[in-house]
C-alpha atoms as a PDB file:
ATOM      1  CA  MET A   1     132.618  78.444 109.329  1.00  0.00           C
ATOM      2  CA  GLY A   2     131.732  80.203 112.562  1.00  0.00           C
ATOM      3  CA  PRO A   3     128.649  80.284 114.745  1.00  0.00           C
ATOM      4  CA  ARG A   4     125.152  80.907 113.533  1.00  0.00           C
ATOM      5  CA  MET A   5     123.845  84.433 113.981  1.00  0.00           C
ATOM      6  CA  THR A   6     120.492  86.097 113.609  1.00  0.00           C
ATOM      7  CA  ARG A   7     119.981  87.775 110.255  1.00  0.00           C
ATOM      8  CA  SER A   8     120.226  91.225 111.850  1.00  0.00           C
ATOM      9  CA  ALA A   9     123.408  90.224 113.670  1.00  0.00           C
ATOM     10  CA  VAL A  10     124.949  89.052 110.407  1.00  0.00           C
ATOM     11  CA  LYS A  11     124.128  92.380 108.789  1.00  0.00           C
ATOM     12  CA  ILE A  12     125.480  94.441 111.688  1.00  0.00           C
ATOM     13  CA  ALA A  13     128.676  92.405 111.837  1.00  0.00           C
ATOM     14  CA  ALA A  14     129.194  92.746 108.092  1.00  0.00           C
ATOM     15  CA  GLU A  15     128.672  96.494 108.161  1.00  0.00           C
ATOM     16  CA  ASP A  16     130.933  96.977 111.172  1.00  0.00           C
ATOM     17  CA  GLY A  17     134.111  98.570 109.921  1.00  0.00           C
ATOM     18  CA  GLN A  18     132.972  98.859 106.309  1.00  0.00           C
ATOM     19  CA  ASP A  19     134.377 102.374 106.218  1.00  0.00           C
ATOM     20  CA  LEU A  20     137.799 100.697 106.127  1.00  0.00           C
ATOM     21  CA  ARG A  21     136.850  99.284 102.712  1.00  0.00           C
ATOM     22  CA  ALA A  22     135.420 102.475 101.305  1.00  0.00           C
ATOM     23  CA  ALA A  23     138.233 102.995  98.784  1.00  0.00           C
ATOM     24  CA  MET A  24     136.960 102.765  95.234  1.00  0.00           C
ATOM     25  CA  PRO A  25     138.368  99.892  93.183  1.00  0.00           C
ATOM     26  CA  PRO A  26     140.594 100.537  90.161  1.00  0.00           C
ATOM     27  CA  PRO A  27     138.427 101.918  87.333  1.00  0.00           C
ATOM     28  CA  ASP A  28     139.629  99.249  84.932  1.00  0.00           C
ATOM     29  CA  SER A  29     138.646  96.369  87.224  1.00  0.00           C
ATOM     30  CA  PRO A  30     135.810  94.548  85.436  1.00  0.00           C
ATOM     31  CA  LEU A  31     134.318  93.328  88.724  1.00  0.00           C
ATOM     32  CA  ALA A  32     134.992  94.496  92.264  1.00  0.00           C
ATOM     33  CA  MET A  33     133.110  94.215  95.525  1.00  0.00           C
ATOM     34  CA  ARG A  34     133.568  95.503  99.041  1.00  0.00           C
ATOM     35  CA  GLY A  35     131.992  94.114 102.206  1.00  0.00           C
ATOM     36  CA  MET A  36     129.796  91.608 100.377  1.00  0.00           C
ATOM     37  CA  THR A  37     127.595  89.628 102.768  1.00  0.00           C
ATOM     38  CA  VAL A  38     124.808  87.239 101.783  1.00  0.00           C
ATOM     39  CA  SER A  39     122.804  85.211 104.277  1.00  0.00           C
ATOM     40  CA  TYR A  40     120.316  82.380 103.981  1.00  0.00           C
ATOM     41  CA  GLY A  41     118.391  82.719 107.219  1.00  0.00           C
ATOM     42  CA  GLU A  42     120.743  82.761 110.201  1.00  0.00           C
ATOM     43  CA  LYS A  43     123.731  81.329 108.361  1.00  0.00           C
ATOM     44  CA  PRO A  44     125.972  83.658 106.357  1.00  0.00           C
ATOM     45  CA  ALA A  45     126.783  82.092 102.989  1.00  0.00           C
ATOM     46  CA  VAL A  46     129.236  84.861 102.110  1.00  0.00           C
ATOM     47  CA  PHE A  47     130.603  87.092 104.838  1.00  0.00           C
ATOM     48  CA  SER A  48     132.216  90.511 104.450  1.00  0.00           C
ATOM     49  CA  VAL A  49     134.019  89.654 101.219  1.00  0.00           C
ATOM     50  CA  ASP A  50     136.222  92.056  99.292  1.00  0.00           C
ATOM     51  CA  ALA A  51     137.351  91.186  95.765  1.00  0.00           C
ATOM     52  CA  THR A  52     139.007  92.941  92.853  1.00  0.00           C
ATOM     53  CA  PHE A  53     139.211  90.992  89.604  1.00  0.00           C
ATOM     54  CA  PRO A  54     141.697  92.209  86.986  1.00  0.00           C
ATOM     55  CA  ALA A  55     140.987  93.340  83.444  1.00  0.00           C
ATOM     56  CA  ARG A  56     141.794  91.209  80.392  1.00  0.00           C
ATOM     57  CA  SER A  57     142.018  88.049  82.458  1.00  0.00           C
ATOM     58  CA  MET A  58     140.529  84.629  83.101  1.00  0.00           C
ATOM     59  CA  SER A  59     139.701  84.421  86.796  1.00  0.00           C
ATOM     60  CA  ALA A  60     138.540  81.390  88.780  1.00  0.00           C
ATOM     61  CA  ILE A  61     136.476  81.487  91.969  1.00  0.00           C
ATOM     62  CA  ILE A  62     137.411  78.332  93.869  1.00  0.00           C
ATOM     63  CA  GLY A  63     136.554  76.770  97.205  1.00  0.00           C
ATOM     64  CA  PRO A  64     134.895  73.698  98.733  1.00  0.00           C
ATOM     65  CA  ASN A  65     131.215  72.817  98.385  1.00  0.00           C
ATOM     66  CA  GLY A  66     129.097  75.260 100.373  1.00  0.00           C
ATOM     67  CA  ALA A  67     131.862  77.876 100.418  1.00  0.00           C
ATOM     68  CA  GLY A  68     129.713  80.540  98.738  1.00  0.00           C
ATOM     69  CA  LYS A  69     131.230  80.503  95.254  1.00  0.00           C
ATOM     70  CA  SER A  70     127.996  80.594  93.258  1.00  0.00           C
ATOM     71  CA  THR A  71     126.351  82.787  95.885  1.00  0.00           C
ATOM     72  CA  LEU A  72     129.098  85.376  95.481  1.00  0.00           C
ATOM     73  CA  LEU A  73     128.710  85.379  91.706  1.00  0.00           C
ATOM     74  CA  LYS A  74     124.906  85.660  91.814  1.00  0.00           C
ATOM     75  CA  ALA A  75     124.982  88.397  94.454  1.00  0.00           C
ATOM     76  CA  SER A  76     127.474  90.384  92.412  1.00  0.00           C
ATOM     77  CA  LEU A  77     124.951  90.295  89.553  1.00  0.00           C
ATOM     78  CA  GLY A  78     121.992  91.155  91.759  1.00  0.00           C
ATOM     79  CA  VAL A  79     120.374  87.793  90.961  1.00  0.00           C
ATOM     80  CA  ILE A  80     120.073  87.201  94.708  1.00  0.00           C
ATOM     81  CA  PRO A  81     119.924  89.964  97.345  1.00  0.00           C
ATOM     82  CA  ARG A  82     122.891  90.870  99.499  1.00  0.00           C
ATOM     83  CA  LEU A  83     122.673  91.987 103.100  1.00  0.00           C
ATOM     84  CA  SER A  84     125.483  94.468 102.664  1.00  0.00           C
ATOM     85  CA  GLY A  85     128.258  95.427 100.329  1.00  0.00           C
ATOM     86  CA  GLU A  86     128.861  97.308  97.103  1.00  0.00           C
ATOM     87  CA  VAL A  87     129.579  96.064  93.590  1.00  0.00           C
ATOM     88  CA  TRP A  88     131.374  97.919  90.813  1.00  0.00           C
ATOM     89  CA  VAL A  89     131.686  96.960  87.160  1.00  0.00           C
ATOM     90  CA  PHE A  90     134.478  98.769  85.350  1.00  0.00           C
ATOM     91  CA  GLY A  91     134.500 101.380  88.096  1.00  0.00           C
ATOM     92  CA  LYS A  92     130.755 102.055  87.991  1.00  0.00           C
ATOM     93  CA  PRO A  93     127.969 100.860  90.295  1.00  0.00           C
ATOM     94  CA  LEU A  94     126.392  97.643  89.057  1.00  0.00           C
ATOM     95  CA  ALA A  95     123.133  99.360  88.075  1.00  0.00           C
ATOM     96  CA  GLN A  96     125.010 101.617  85.646  1.00  0.00           C
ATOM     97  CA  ALA A  97     126.972  98.880  83.908  1.00  0.00           C
ATOM     98  CA  ARG A  98     124.709  95.837  83.593  1.00  0.00           C
ATOM     99  CA  ASP A  99     124.816  96.058  79.811  1.00  0.00           C
ATOM    100  CA  ARG A 100     128.539  95.242  79.905  1.00  0.00           C
ATOM    101  CA  ILE A 101     127.943  91.835  81.537  1.00  0.00           C
ATOM    102  CA  ALA A 102     126.998  88.458  80.070  1.00  0.00           C
ATOM    103  CA  TYR A 103     126.046  85.634  82.424  1.00  0.00           C
ATOM    104  CA  VAL A 104     126.055  81.870  81.919  1.00  0.00           C
ATOM    105  CA  PRO A 105     124.157  80.159  84.776  1.00  0.00           C
ATOM    106  CA  GLN A 106     124.661  76.638  86.047  1.00  0.00           C
ATOM    107  CA  ARG A 107     123.228  74.207  83.525  1.00  0.00           C
ATOM    108  CA  ALA A 108     121.323  72.411  86.288  1.00  0.00           C
ATOM    109  CA  SER A 109     119.354  75.589  87.046  1.00  0.00           C
ATOM    110  CA  VAL A 110     117.849  75.824  83.539  1.00  0.00           C
ATOM    111  CA  ASP A 111     114.506  74.312  82.490  1.00  0.00           C
ATOM    112  CA  TRP A 112     115.661  72.369  79.451  1.00  0.00           C
ATOM    113  CA  ASP A 113     112.141  71.065  78.803  1.00  0.00           C
ATOM    114  CA  PHE A 114     110.954  74.534  77.801  1.00  0.00           C
ATOM    115  CA  PRO A 115     109.835  74.267  74.155  1.00  0.00           C
ATOM    116  CA  THR A 116     112.270  76.484  72.271  1.00  0.00           C
ATOM    117  CA  THR A 117     114.938  76.035  69.637  1.00  0.00           C
ATOM    118  CA  VAL A 118     118.670  76.566  69.865  1.00  0.00           C
ATOM    119  CA  ILE A 119     118.604  79.622  67.589  1.00  0.00           C
ATOM    120  CA  ASP A 120     115.842  81.207  69.683  1.00  0.00           C
ATOM    121  CA  VAL A 121     117.895  80.784  72.860  1.00  0.00           C
ATOM    122  CA  VAL A 122     120.896  82.497  71.300  1.00  0.00           C
ATOM    123  CA  GLN A 123     118.763  85.321  69.907  1.00  0.00           C
ATOM    124  CA  MET A 124     117.687  86.120  73.464  1.00  0.00           C
ATOM    125  CA  GLY A 125     121.197  87.469  73.931  1.00  0.00           C
ATOM    126  CA  LEU A 126     120.559  90.023  71.188  1.00  0.00           C
ATOM    127  CA  TYR A 127     117.359  91.557  72.544  1.00  0.00           C
ATOM    128  CA  ARG A 128     119.270  94.180  74.492  1.00  0.00           C
ATOM    129  CA  LYS A 129     120.677  95.441  71.201  1.00  0.00           C
ATOM    130  CA  VAL A 130     117.633  95.345  68.937  1.00  0.00           C
ATOM    131  CA  GLY A 131     114.710  95.322  71.362  1.00  0.00           C
ATOM    132  CA  LEU A 132     111.982  92.804  72.030  1.00  0.00           C
ATOM    133  CA  LEU A 133     110.086  93.728  68.858  1.00  0.00           C
ATOM    134  CA  GLY A 134     112.698  91.950  66.785  1.00  0.00           C
ATOM    135  CA  ARG A 135     112.576  94.514  63.977  1.00  0.00           C
ATOM    136  CA  LEU A 136     115.966  93.326  62.760  1.00  0.00           C
ATOM    137  CA  LYS A 137     115.022  89.652  62.621  1.00  0.00           C
ATOM    138  CA  GLY A 138     117.283  88.839  59.693  1.00  0.00           C
ATOM    139  CA  LEU A 139     120.297  90.459  61.320  1.00  0.00           C
ATOM    140  CA  MET A 140     119.522  88.754  64.625  1.00  0.00           C
ATOM    141  CA  THR A 141     119.410  85.365  62.959  1.00  0.00           C
ATOM    142  CA  ALA A 142     122.724  85.925  61.179  1.00  0.00           C
ATOM    143  CA  GLN A 143     124.444  87.098  64.360  1.00  0.00           C
ATOM    144  CA  ALA A 144     123.031  84.217  66.380  1.00  0.00           C
ATOM    145  CA  GLN A 145     124.170  81.750  63.730  1.00  0.00           C
ATOM    146  CA  ALA A 146     127.682  83.233  63.865  1.00  0.00           C
ATOM    147  CA  CYS A 147     127.781  82.778  67.641  1.00  0.00           C
ATOM    148  CA  LEU A 148     126.653  79.168  67.295  1.00  0.00           C
ATOM    149  CA  ASP A 149     129.430  78.625  64.780  1.00  0.00           C
ATOM    150  CA  ARG A 150     131.987  79.881  67.323  1.00  0.00           C
ATOM    151  CA  VAL A 151     130.980  77.137  69.757  1.00  0.00           C
ATOM    152  CA  GLY A 152     130.605  74.388  67.155  1.00  0.00           C
ATOM    153  CA  MET A 153     126.801  74.281  67.234  1.00  0.00           C
ATOM    154  CA  ALA A 154     125.848  75.838  63.887  1.00  0.00           C
ATOM    155  CA  ASP A 155     124.290  72.601  62.616  1.00  0.00           C
ATOM    156  CA  PHE A 156     121.940  72.419  65.610  1.00  0.00           C
ATOM    157  CA  ALA A 157     120.267  75.815  65.182  1.00  0.00           C
ATOM    158  CA  HIS A 158     116.734  74.466  64.760  1.00  0.00           C
ATOM    159  CA  ARG A 159     116.980  71.622  67.254  1.00  0.00           C
ATOM    160  CA  GLN A 160     114.897  71.771  70.440  1.00  0.00           C
ATOM    161  CA  ILE A 161     117.181  72.509  73.394  1.00  0.00           C
ATOM    162  CA  GLY A 162     115.718  69.580  75.315  1.00  0.00           C
ATOM    163  CA  GLN A 163     117.050  67.214  72.640  1.00  0.00           C
ATOM    164  CA  LEU A 164     120.673  68.217  73.211  1.00  0.00           C
ATOM    165  CA  SER A 165     123.303  66.572  75.365  1.00  0.00           C
ATOM    166  CA  GLY A 166     124.581  68.350  78.460  1.00  0.00           C
ATOM    167  CA  GLY A 167     127.713  69.519  76.690  1.00  0.00           C
ATOM    168  CA  GLN A 168     125.718  70.809  73.726  1.00  0.00           C
ATOM    169  CA  GLN A 169     123.359  72.702  76.011  1.00  0.00           C
ATOM    170  CA  GLN A 170     126.282  74.392  77.706  1.00  0.00           C
ATOM    171  CA  ARG A 171     127.704  75.435  74.347  1.00  0.00           C
ATOM    172  CA  VAL A 172     124.349  76.978  73.418  1.00  0.00           C
ATOM    173  CA  PHE A 173     124.252  79.085  76.568  1.00  0.00           C
ATOM    174  CA  LEU A 174     127.806  80.216  75.923  1.00  0.00           C
ATOM    175  CA  ALA A 175     126.721  81.205  72.407  1.00  0.00           C
ATOM    176  CA  ARG A 176     123.889  83.252  73.932  1.00  0.00           C
ATOM    177  CA  ALA A 177     126.448  85.041  76.106  1.00  0.00           C
ATOM    178  CA  LEU A 178     128.659  85.692  73.072  1.00  0.00           C
ATOM    179  CA  ALA A 179     125.676  87.249  71.299  1.00  0.00           C
ATOM    180  CA  GLN A 180     125.576  89.929  73.988  1.00  0.00           C
ATOM    181  CA  ASP A 181     129.059  91.101  72.955  1.00  0.00           C
ATOM    182  CA  ALA A 182     129.835  91.957  76.581  1.00  0.00           C
ATOM    183  CA  ASP A 183     133.046  93.140  78.202  1.00  0.00           C
ATOM    184  CA  LEU A 184     132.692  90.885  81.253  1.00  0.00           C
ATOM    185  CA  TYR A 185     131.618  87.240  81.123  1.00  0.00           C
ATOM    186  CA  LEU A 186     130.458  85.587  84.352  1.00  0.00           C
ATOM    187  CA  LEU A 187     130.058  81.810  84.289  1.00  0.00           C
ATOM    188  CA  ASP A 188     128.774  79.552  87.049  1.00  0.00           C
ATOM    189  CA  GLU A 189     130.402  76.096  86.856  1.00  0.00           C
ATOM    190  CA  PRO A 190     130.727  76.159  83.046  1.00  0.00           C
ATOM    191  CA  PHE A 191     132.468  72.767  82.892  1.00  0.00           C
ATOM    192  CA  ALA A 192     130.171  70.837  85.235  1.00  0.00           C
ATOM    193  CA  GLY A 193     128.785  67.701  83.620  1.00  0.00           C
ATOM    194  CA  VAL A 194     130.200  68.305  80.141  1.00  0.00           C
ATOM    195  CA  ASP A 195     132.331  66.003  78.004  1.00  0.00           C
ATOM    196  CA  ALA A 196     136.052  66.573  77.483  1.00  0.00           C
ATOM    197  CA  ALA A 197     135.615  67.916  73.939  1.00  0.00           C
ATOM    198  CA  THR A 198     133.082  70.497  75.102  1.00  0.00           C
ATOM    199  CA  GLU A 199     135.298  71.545  77.996  1.00  0.00           C
ATOM    200  CA  ARG A 200     138.205  72.117  75.632  1.00  0.00           C
ATOM    201  CA  ALA A 201     135.980  74.032  73.199  1.00  0.00           C
ATOM    202  CA  ILE A 202     134.663  76.284  75.974  1.00  0.00           C
ATOM    203  CA  VAL A 203     138.172  76.966  77.269  1.00  0.00           C
ATOM    204  CA  ASP A 204     139.324  77.902  73.774  1.00  0.00           C
ATOM    205  CA  VAL A 205     136.444  80.375  73.373  1.00  0.00           C
ATOM    206  CA  LEU A 206     137.094  81.927  76.787  1.00  0.00           C
ATOM    207  CA  LYS A 207     140.808  82.295  76.092  1.00  0.00           C
ATOM    208  CA  LEU A 208     139.972  83.970  72.797  1.00  0.00           C
ATOM    209  CA  LEU A 209     137.725  86.425  74.648  1.00  0.00           C
ATOM    210  CA  LYS A 210     140.635  87.194  76.974  1.00  0.00           C
ATOM    211  CA  SER A 211     142.920  87.803  73.993  1.00  0.00           C
ATOM    212  CA  GLU A 212     140.309  90.266  72.676  1.00  0.00           C
ATOM    213  CA  GLY A 213     140.576  92.278  75.901  1.00  0.00           C
ATOM    214  CA  LYS A 214     137.498  90.835  77.603  1.00  0.00           C
ATOM    215  CA  ALA A 215     137.392  89.610  81.208  1.00  0.00           C
ATOM    216  CA  VAL A 216     136.149  86.192  82.300  1.00  0.00           C
ATOM    217  CA  VAL A 217     135.199  85.246  85.873  1.00  0.00           C
ATOM    218  CA  ALA A 218     134.103  81.644  86.423  1.00  0.00           C
ATOM    219  CA  VAL A 219     133.107  79.534  89.395  1.00  0.00           C
ATOM    220  CA  HIS A 220     135.317  76.477  89.034  1.00  0.00           C
ATOM    221  CA  HIS A 221     135.514  73.192  90.939  1.00  0.00           C
ATOM    222  CA  ASP A 222     138.248  71.133  89.270  1.00  0.00           C
ATOM    223  CA  LEU A 223     141.466  72.136  90.999  1.00  0.00           C
ATOM    224  CA  SER A 224     143.567  70.044  88.623  1.00  0.00           C
ATOM    225  CA  THR A 225     142.853  72.434  85.729  1.00  0.00           C
ATOM    226  CA  VAL A 226     143.034  75.777  87.535  1.00  0.00           C
ATOM    227  CA  ARG A 227     146.589  76.594  86.512  1.00  0.00           C
ATOM    228  CA  ASP A 228     146.013  75.469  82.916  1.00  0.00           C
ATOM    229  CA  TYR A 229     142.830  77.474  82.393  1.00  0.00           C
ATOM    230  CA  PHE A 230     143.103  80.565  84.596  1.00  0.00           C
ATOM    231  CA  ASN A 231     145.689  83.248  85.247  1.00  0.00           C
ATOM    232  CA  TYR A 232     143.954  84.697  88.344  1.00  0.00           C
ATOM    233  CA  VAL A 233     142.315  82.970  91.301  1.00  0.00           C
ATOM    234  CA  PHE A 234     139.978  83.976  94.111  1.00  0.00           C
ATOM    235  CA  LEU A 235     139.797  81.500  97.003  1.00  0.00           C
ATOM    236  CA  ILE A 236     136.755  81.591  99.263  1.00  0.00           C
ATOM    237  CA  ASN A 237     135.298  79.641 102.156  1.00  0.00           C
ATOM    238  CA  VAL A 238     132.443  81.922 103.232  1.00  0.00           C
ATOM    239  CA  ARG A 239     135.110  84.569 103.809  1.00  0.00           C
ATOM    240  CA  ARG A 240     137.757  85.638 101.341  1.00  0.00           C
ATOM    241  CA  ILE A 241     140.872  83.525 101.870  1.00  0.00           C
ATOM    242  CA  ALA A 242     143.173  84.887  99.172  1.00  0.00           C
ATOM    243  CA  GLU A 243     143.275  86.247  95.647  1.00  0.00           C
ATOM    244  CA  GLY A 244     145.909  87.053  93.081  1.00  0.00           C
ATOM    245  CA  PRO A 245     147.722  85.734  90.017  1.00  0.00           C
ATOM    246  CA  ALA A 246     147.499  81.953  89.874  1.00  0.00           C
ATOM    247  CA  GLN A 247     151.272  81.632  89.987  1.00  0.00           C
ATOM    248  CA  THR A 248     151.440  83.297  93.411  1.00  0.00           C
ATOM    249  CA  ALA A 249     147.988  82.761  94.986  1.00  0.00           C
ATOM    250  CA  PHE A 250     147.285  79.136  94.051  1.00  0.00           C
ATOM    251  CA  THR A 251     149.611  77.840  96.757  1.00  0.00           C
ATOM    252  CA  ALA A 252     149.685  75.015  99.268  1.00  0.00           C
ATOM    253  CA  GLU A 253     149.193  77.473 102.121  1.00  0.00           C
ATOM    254  CA  ASN A 254     146.127  79.073 100.546  1.00  0.00           C
ATOM    255  CA  LEU A 255     144.614  75.733  99.517  1.00  0.00           C
ATOM    256  CA  ASN A 256     145.044  74.419 103.054  1.00  0.00           C
ATOM    257  CA  ALA A 257     143.368  77.524 104.451  1.00  0.00           C
ATOM    258  CA  THR A 258     140.510  77.273 101.949  1.00  0.00           C
ATOM    259  CA  TYR A 259     139.805  73.552 102.153  1.00  0.00           C
ATOM    260  CA  GLY A 260     140.500  73.122 105.864  1.00  0.00           C
ATOM    261  CA  GLY A 261     142.843  70.179 105.569  1.00  0.00           C
ATOM    262  CA  ARG A 262     140.531  68.189 103.286  1.00  0.00           C
ATOM    263  CA  LEU A 263     143.231  67.909 100.619  1.00  0.00           C
ATOM    264  CA  SER A 264     146.238  65.673 101.132  1.00  0.00           C
ATOM    265  CA  ALA A 265     149.735  67.133 101.068  1.00  0.00           C
ATOM    266  CA  THR A 266     150.533  65.013  98.017  1.00  0.00           C
ATOM    267  CA  HIS A 267     147.458  66.235  96.151  1.00  0.00           C
ATOM    268  CA  ILE A 268     148.235  69.866  96.957  1.00  0.00           C
ATOM    269  CA  SER A 269     151.813  69.418  95.799  1.00  0.00           C
ATOM    270  CA  GLU A 270     150.629  67.979  92.490  1.00  0.00           C
ATOM    271  CA  LEU A 271     148.130  70.809  92.000  1.00  0.00           C
ATOM    272  CA  THR A 272     150.501  73.666  92.735  1.00  0.00           C
ATOM    273  CA  LEU A 273     153.404  72.355  90.676  1.00  0.00           C
ATOM    274  CA  SER A 274     151.526  71.583  87.468  1.00  0.00           C
ATOM    275  CA  GLY A 275     150.399  73.634  84.514  1.00  0.00           C
ATOM    276  CA  GLY A 276     150.120  77.334  83.943  1.00  0.00           C
ATOM    277  CA  ALA A 277     147.597  79.370  81.926  1.00  0.00           C
ATOM    278  CA  ALA A 278     148.709  81.106  78.795  1.00  0.00           C
END
């Protein structure tokens, strides 16, 4: 992953030559970044990354542990600061298009002991539309209930979130994202620690969003399902390794470059020959 550098050296190195990336991304790209660098102390977690995710697609960000997958996603949202780089959402700077994004964080990062009900969590996704005063409480409740129904959680509306299983909790946070009625859905490890039925249900919802013209970008760790779930891939190991349609970018060569020989030739062959997203 390269030598350690001082924080200032990381920033200077990332900015060096950024003029070569100055071209604006396509205006219909739901998420694009140029020269993205994020550093934790002296170690760059993401270094000088360019990315252009396509519209009306399901895109996977893949790479080994510690490759910067979640860091890239969070930095693109502004959840964590970046040392350098620019982010565009549908051709506009991030600050001008935040209301077009819905975000589902890693389940492990959420305080599930917080005393609140399922319906209240989902209604949080509606505040941007109706305001914190909740003047349209009846409408909010109906919309939240409809979103819970889409993820198979309508019967759990008044349950405390801490009483739910891991898969149920993930469905609730997806319902909250659906309540935002966004154009771009960003998900950080949405299938981590969930049961098979929940994984299938989440995939079905995400594919439906794609069919409605929405864009989905997800950090994903299970290489065996990449080609079944996603039609676009972005491979990262601190630096950008490759990106493109899954049929052409999810290759043995790119997997070897991304995982540094940690995958066997047989495993890579099985991964790259199987499946294919609809």
